[in-house]
Amino acid sequence: MSKAMKNIIMRDYKSRVSMGGEKLEDAVLISIRGVKAIDTTKIRNNLAKQNIKITVIRNSLAKKAFEGSQLSNLNDLLTGASALAYGGASVVEVARALVASLDKYPKLELKGAVLDGTVFKGKAGVTELSKFPTREEAVGQIVTLAISPGKKLLGQLKGPGSNIAGIIKAIEGKLEKGEAIAKN
């Protein structure tokens, strides 16, 4: 392959991983070798519904294209047939989608992933990553933890007030019926 062609391919890789000017720093590395063409199309279509893209890459050119980015942490895993899965709301969603696809397509190989510079190697690493909370889920958990003490305090304050309100309502009901209220 000529040097000009290699430069074009590396430029294409760089443009794909700089989605909309924002640099891609997290991705999952897979191999779709051994997966039938029809199944590959089904996998790609299912992932595309979740805004996840798959790009088949040449290892040596990808290593050069990823220099200076966190994707360069995947260089040790770039052996054999490789494809980069990226997009979606986060790399955790990509990992979840790929792990879910393993049931239907067992020949799909999960080579590894990178999240914030941390490398998750092999199927076990990607499966572990898929169990992480997404950013939105983590924010929800933090908000729940922050609100929980206030909610408990409000319950404690509301409890006695509800008891008093119930007693007053019972007295009011008795007075409306004309019953006498016992004085203590």
Protein backbone atom coordinates (compact mmCIF):
# COMPACT_ATOMS: atom_id res chain seq x y z
CA MET A 1 0.00 0.00 0.00
CA SER A 2 1.38 3.40 -0.92
CA LYS A 3 2.30 6.01 1.64
CA ALA A 4 -0.36 8.38 0.24
CA MET A 5 -3.05 5.73 0.73
CA LYS A 6 -1.87 5.06 4.29
CA ASN A 7 -2.04 8.79 5.06
CA ILE A 8 -5.61 8.93 3.71
CA ILE A 9 -6.63 5.98 5.91
CA MET A 10 -4.99 7.49 9.01
CA ARG A 11 -6.72 10.83 8.31
CA ASP A 12 -10.01 8.93 8.05
CA TYR A 13 -9.38 7.21 11.41
CA LYS A 14 -8.57 10.56 13.02
CA SER A 15 -11.72 12.16 11.60
CA ARG A 16 -13.87 9.25 12.79
CA VAL A 17 -12.50 9.38 16.31
CA SER A 18 -12.87 13.15 16.52
CA MET A 19 -16.64 13.03 16.36
CA GLY A 20 -17.94 16.54 15.64
CA GLY A 21 -14.68 18.15 16.75
CA GLU A 22 -14.85 16.42 20.13
CA LYS A 23 -12.01 13.97 20.59
CA LEU A 24 -13.02 10.36 21.19
CA GLU A 25 -11.23 9.09 24.29
CA ASP A 26 -13.23 5.95 25.16
CA ALA A 27 -14.00 2.95 22.95
CA VAL A 28 -14.30 -0.83 22.86
CA LEU A 29 -12.00 -2.94 20.70
CA ILE A 30 -13.60 -6.01 19.14
CA SER A 31 -12.99 -8.60 16.47
CA ILE A 32 -15.75 -9.62 14.11
CA ARG A 33 -13.66 -12.25 12.35
CA GLY A 34 -15.61 -15.49 12.09
CA VAL A 35 -18.97 -13.75 12.30
CA LYS A 36 -21.01 -14.30 9.13
CA ALA A 37 -21.68 -11.29 6.91
CA ILE A 38 -25.43 -11.31 7.56
CA ASP A 39 -24.82 -11.47 11.31
CA THR A 40 -22.28 -8.64 11.07
CA THR A 41 -24.90 -6.50 9.35
CA LYS A 42 -27.43 -7.37 12.05
CA ILE A 43 -24.93 -6.47 14.79
CA ARG A 44 -24.14 -3.15 13.10
CA ASN A 45 -27.83 -2.34 12.61
CA ASN A 46 -28.70 -3.15 16.24
CA LEU A 47 -25.83 -0.99 17.46
CA ALA A 48 -26.69 1.83 15.03
CA LYS A 49 -30.12 2.08 16.66
CA GLN A 50 -28.26 3.03 19.85
CA ASN A 51 -26.02 5.47 17.92
CA ILE A 52 -23.03 3.12 18.24
CA LYS A 53 -20.63 2.82 15.32
CA ILE A 54 -18.16 0.11 14.36
CA THR A 55 -15.08 0.88 12.30
CA VAL A 56 -12.83 -1.91 11.08
CA ILE A 57 -9.24 -0.75 11.48
CA ARG A 58 -5.77 -1.67 10.31
CA ASN A 59 -3.71 -2.17 13.45
CA SER A 60 -0.47 -0.46 12.43
CA LEU A 61 -2.25 2.57 10.96
CA ALA A 62 -4.57 2.83 13.96
CA LYS A 63 -1.59 2.86 16.33
CA LYS A 64 -0.15 5.83 14.45
CA ALA A 65 -3.52 7.59 14.21
CA PHE A 66 -4.26 7.17 17.92
CA GLU A 67 -0.91 8.58 19.10
CA GLY A 68 -1.42 11.29 21.70
CA SER A 69 -4.95 10.18 22.58
CA GLN A 70 -6.21 7.85 25.28
CA LEU A 71 -7.03 5.34 22.56
CA SER A 72 -3.29 4.72 22.29
CA ASN A 73 -3.71 2.69 25.50
CA LEU A 74 -5.34 0.02 23.29
CA ASN A 75 -2.12 -0.44 21.25
CA ASP A 76 -1.16 -3.65 23.09
CA LEU A 77 -4.53 -5.17 22.16
CA LEU A 78 -4.30 -4.27 18.45
CA THR A 79 -3.48 -7.72 17.10
CA GLY A 80 -5.31 -9.73 14.48
CA ALA A 81 -8.56 -8.50 12.97
CA SER A 82 -9.72 -5.44 14.91
CA ALA A 83 -12.68 -3.11 14.90
CA LEU A 84 -13.39 -0.10 17.08
CA ALA A 85 -16.87 0.29 18.61
CA TYR A 86 -17.68 3.79 19.82
CA GLY A 87 -20.47 6.31 20.15
CA GLY A 88 -23.67 6.07 22.16
CA ALA A 89 -24.02 8.08 25.34
CA SER A 90 -20.91 6.48 26.86
CA VAL A 91 -18.48 3.62 26.44
CA VAL A 92 -20.38 1.81 29.20
CA GLU A 93 -23.46 1.68 26.95
CA VAL A 94 -21.29 0.41 24.09
CA ALA A 95 -19.91 -2.33 26.37
CA ARG A 96 -23.43 -3.26 27.54
CA ALA A 97 -24.69 -3.52 23.98
CA LEU A 98 -21.75 -5.67 22.90
CA VAL A 99 -21.97 -7.97 25.93
CA ALA A 100 -25.70 -8.40 25.22
CA SER A 101 -24.85 -9.27 21.59
CA LEU A 102 -22.59 -12.13 22.71
CA ASP A 103 -25.63 -14.34 23.43
CA LYS A 104 -26.74 -14.22 19.78
CA TYR A 105 -23.29 -13.94 18.22
CA PRO A 106 -20.79 -15.99 20.27
CA LYS A 107 -18.02 -15.56 17.66
CA LEU A 108 -17.93 -11.83 18.39
CA GLU A 109 -14.67 -11.32 20.28
CA LEU A 110 -14.30 -8.61 22.91
CA LYS A 111 -10.62 -7.65 22.93
CA GLY A 112 -10.75 -4.79 25.41
CA ALA A 113 -11.86 -1.25 26.13
CA VAL A 114 -10.54 2.04 27.39
CA LEU A 115 -12.41 4.37 29.77
CA ASP A 116 -10.72 7.54 31.01
CA GLY A 117 -7.32 6.06 30.21
CA THR A 118 -7.99 2.81 32.07
CA VAL A 119 -7.70 -0.31 29.93
CA PHE A 120 -10.09 -3.23 30.42
CA LYS A 121 -8.58 -6.30 28.77
CA GLY A 122 -10.46 -9.14 27.14
CA LYS A 123 -14.00 -10.34 27.51
CA ALA A 124 -13.80 -10.21 31.32
CA GLY A 125 -12.67 -6.59 31.27
CA VAL A 126 -15.41 -5.46 28.88
CA THR A 127 -18.00 -7.39 30.90
CA GLU A 128 -16.76 -5.65 34.06
CA LEU A 129 -17.01 -2.28 32.29
CA SER A 130 -20.58 -3.03 31.21
CA LYS A 131 -21.57 -3.26 34.88
CA PHE A 132 -20.34 0.27 35.63
CA PRO A 133 -23.01 2.96 35.95
CA THR A 134 -23.33 5.43 33.09
CA ARG A 135 -22.79 9.10 33.83
CA GLU A 136 -26.54 9.69 34.19
CA GLU A 137 -26.95 6.70 36.50
CA ALA A 138 -24.02 7.84 38.65
CA VAL A 139 -25.47 11.36 38.92
CA GLY A 140 -28.83 9.83 39.91
CA GLN A 141 -27.18 7.74 42.62
CA ILE A 142 -25.34 10.77 44.00
CA VAL A 143 -28.52 12.86 44.02
CA THR A 144 -30.35 10.06 45.82
CA LEU A 145 -27.60 9.87 48.43
CA ALA A 146 -27.67 13.64 48.91
CA ILE A 147 -31.46 13.83 49.24
CA SER A 148 -31.89 10.75 51.44
CA PRO A 149 -31.02 12.35 54.83
CA GLY A 150 -33.33 15.29 54.15
CA LYS A 151 -36.12 12.92 53.19
CA LYS A 152 -35.68 10.97 56.43
CA LEU A 153 -35.66 14.18 58.47
CA LEU A 154 -38.83 15.37 56.76
CA GLY A 155 -40.48 12.02 57.58
CA GLN A 156 -39.48 12.37 61.23
CA LEU A 157 -40.90 15.89 61.41
CA LYS A 158 -44.06 14.97 59.53
CA GLY A 159 -44.85 11.92 61.71
CA PRO A 160 -45.78 13.70 64.98
CA GLY A 161 -47.56 16.43 63.02
CA SER A 162 -49.71 13.80 61.32
CA ASN A 163 -50.58 12.27 64.72
CA ILE A 164 -51.68 15.65 66.09
CA ALA A 165 -53.69 16.35 62.92
CA GLY A 166 -55.43 12.98 63.31
CA ILE A 167 -56.36 13.70 66.94
CA ILE A 168 -57.72 17.16 66.03
CA LYS A 169 -59.76 15.64 63.20
CA ALA A 170 -61.22 13.02 65.59
CA ILE A 171 -62.16 15.75 68.13
CA GLU A 172 -63.71 17.81 65.33
CA GLY A 173 -65.75 14.79 64.18
CA LYS A 174 -67.04 14.18 67.72
CA LEU A 175 -67.97 17.82 68.18
CA GLU A 176 -69.90 17.83 64.89
CA LYS A 177 -71.89 14.80 66.04
CA GLY A 178 -72.60 16.53 69.32
CA GLU A 179 -70.66 14.06 71.44
CA ALA A 180 -68.99 15.18 74.60
CA ILE A 181 -65.24 15.24 74.79
CA ALA A 182 -63.68 13.80 77.92
CA LYS A 183 -61.70 16.37 79.89
CA ASN A 184 -58.57 15.17 81.63
